[in-house]
Amino acid sequence: MALDPELLKILACPLCKTEVRLTADEKGLKCLRCYRVYRIEDDIPVMLIDEASIEPERPTKD
C-alpha cells in the first residue's frame, strides 16, 4: 500500500514548512527547500526533524 495522494497534498516539512515529495525509490519524503528526507515506515511518514537525513538535490517522483 502506498501513501494516499490526498495525504501527500497536505504534508509539509516540519522544519521549513515547504512541500515534500516522494523520493525516487518511494522510501521517503524529500523537502523541496532544505533537502531533508523523512523516511516512510510501514506506509507511515516519520516526520521528525532529528531523524531526517539531508541529501543534495536529486530528482523526486512527481
C-alpha atoms as a PDB file:
ATOM      1  CA  MET A   1       0.000   0.000   0.000  1.00  0.00           C
ATOM      2  CA  ALA A   2       1.389   3.384  -0.984  1.00  0.00           C
ATOM      3  CA  LEU A   3       0.832   6.743   0.653  1.00  0.00           C
ATOM      4  CA  ASP A   4      -2.551   8.286  -0.056  1.00  0.00           C
ATOM      5  CA  PRO A   5      -2.201  11.051  -2.677  1.00  0.00           C
ATOM      6  CA  GLU A   6      -4.507  13.263  -0.590  1.00  0.00           C
ATOM      7  CA  LEU A   7      -2.137  12.906   2.371  1.00  0.00           C
ATOM      8  CA  LEU A   8       0.820  13.886   0.180  1.00  0.00           C
ATOM      9  CA  LYS A   9      -1.003  17.088  -0.779  1.00  0.00           C
ATOM     10  CA  ILE A  10      -1.179  18.294   2.839  1.00  0.00           C
ATOM     11  CA  LEU A  11       2.168  17.106   4.210  1.00  0.00           C
ATOM     12  CA  ALA A  12       4.934  19.675   4.626  1.00  0.00           C
ATOM     13  CA  CYS A  13       8.437  19.703   6.048  1.00  0.00           C
ATOM     14  CA  PRO A  14       8.154  20.288   9.804  1.00  0.00           C
ATOM     15  CA  LEU A  15      11.285  22.470   9.728  1.00  0.00           C
ATOM     16  CA  CYS A  16      10.697  24.917   6.884  1.00  0.00           C
ATOM     17  CA  LYS A  17       7.014  24.222   6.106  1.00  0.00           C
ATOM     18  CA  THR A  18       7.750  23.545   2.418  1.00  0.00           C
ATOM     19  CA  GLU A  19       6.179  20.903   0.195  1.00  0.00           C
ATOM     20  CA  VAL A  20       7.575  17.358   0.354  1.00  0.00           C
ATOM     21  CA  ARG A  21       7.581  14.810  -2.462  1.00  0.00           C
ATOM     22  CA  LEU A  22       8.189  11.090  -2.662  1.00  0.00           C
ATOM     23  CA  THR A  23      11.779  10.137  -3.292  1.00  0.00           C
ATOM     24  CA  ALA A  24      12.528   8.236  -6.497  1.00  0.00           C
ATOM     25  CA  ASP A  25      12.669   4.941  -4.570  1.00  0.00           C
ATOM     26  CA  GLU A  26       9.412   5.815  -2.716  1.00  0.00           C
ATOM     27  CA  LYS A  27      11.041   5.074   0.663  1.00  0.00           C
ATOM     28  CA  GLY A  28      10.984   8.666   1.875  1.00  0.00           C
ATOM     29  CA  LEU A  29       9.607  12.157   1.542  1.00  0.00           C
ATOM     30  CA  LYS A  30      12.024  14.887   0.495  1.00  0.00           C
ATOM     31  CA  CYS A  31      11.667  18.578   1.287  1.00  0.00           C
ATOM     32  CA  LEU A  32      11.974  20.761  -1.797  1.00  0.00           C
ATOM     33  CA  ARG A  33      13.729  23.564   0.111  1.00  0.00           C
ATOM     34  CA  CYS A  34      16.042  22.120   2.789  1.00  0.00           C
ATOM     35  CA  TYR A  35      16.509  18.667   1.153  1.00  0.00           C
ATOM     36  CA  ARG A  36      15.705  16.753   4.327  1.00  0.00           C
ATOM     37  CA  VAL A  37      14.444  13.246   3.679  1.00  0.00           C
ATOM     38  CA  TYR A  38      11.897  11.785   6.068  1.00  0.00           C
ATOM     39  CA  ARG A  39      11.719   8.014   5.894  1.00  0.00           C
ATOM     40  CA  ILE A  40       8.499   6.061   5.432  1.00  0.00           C
ATOM     41  CA  GLU A  41       7.985   3.031   7.675  1.00  0.00           C
ATOM     42  CA  ASP A  42       5.020   0.709   7.155  1.00  0.00           C
ATOM     43  CA  ASP A  43       3.384   3.352   4.915  1.00  0.00           C
ATOM     44  CA  ILE A  44       3.664   5.979   7.683  1.00  0.00           C
ATOM     45  CA  PRO A  45       5.909   9.010   7.149  1.00  0.00           C
ATOM     46  CA  VAL A  46       8.249   9.661  10.082  1.00  0.00           C
ATOM     47  CA  MET A  47       8.240  13.477  10.066  1.00  0.00           C
ATOM     48  CA  LEU A  48      10.778  14.028  12.861  1.00  0.00           C
ATOM     49  CA  ILE A  49      13.444  16.639  12.132  1.00  0.00           C
ATOM     50  CA  ASP A  50      16.073  14.900  14.269  1.00  0.00           C
ATOM     51  CA  GLU A  51      15.624  11.635  12.376  1.00  0.00           C
ATOM     52  CA  ALA A  52      15.702  13.089   8.860  1.00  0.00           C
ATOM     53  CA  SER A  53      18.721  12.816   6.621  1.00  0.00           C
ATOM     54  CA  ILE A  54      19.893  15.620   4.358  1.00  0.00           C
ATOM     55  CA  GLU A  55      20.567  14.774   0.734  1.00  0.00           C
ATOM     56  CA  PRO A  56      21.705  17.005  -2.100  1.00  0.00           C
ATOM     57  CA  GLU A  57      19.163  17.908  -4.730  1.00  0.00           C
ATOM     58  CA  ARG A  58      18.138  14.915  -6.814  1.00  0.00           C
ATOM     59  CA  PRO A  59      15.092  14.138  -8.863  1.00  0.00           C
ATOM     60  CA  THR A  60      11.957  13.204  -6.929  1.00  0.00           C
ATOM     61  CA  LYS A  61       8.963  11.279  -8.151  1.00  0.00           C
ATOM     62  CA  ASP A  62       6.184  13.611  -9.340  1.00  0.00           C
END
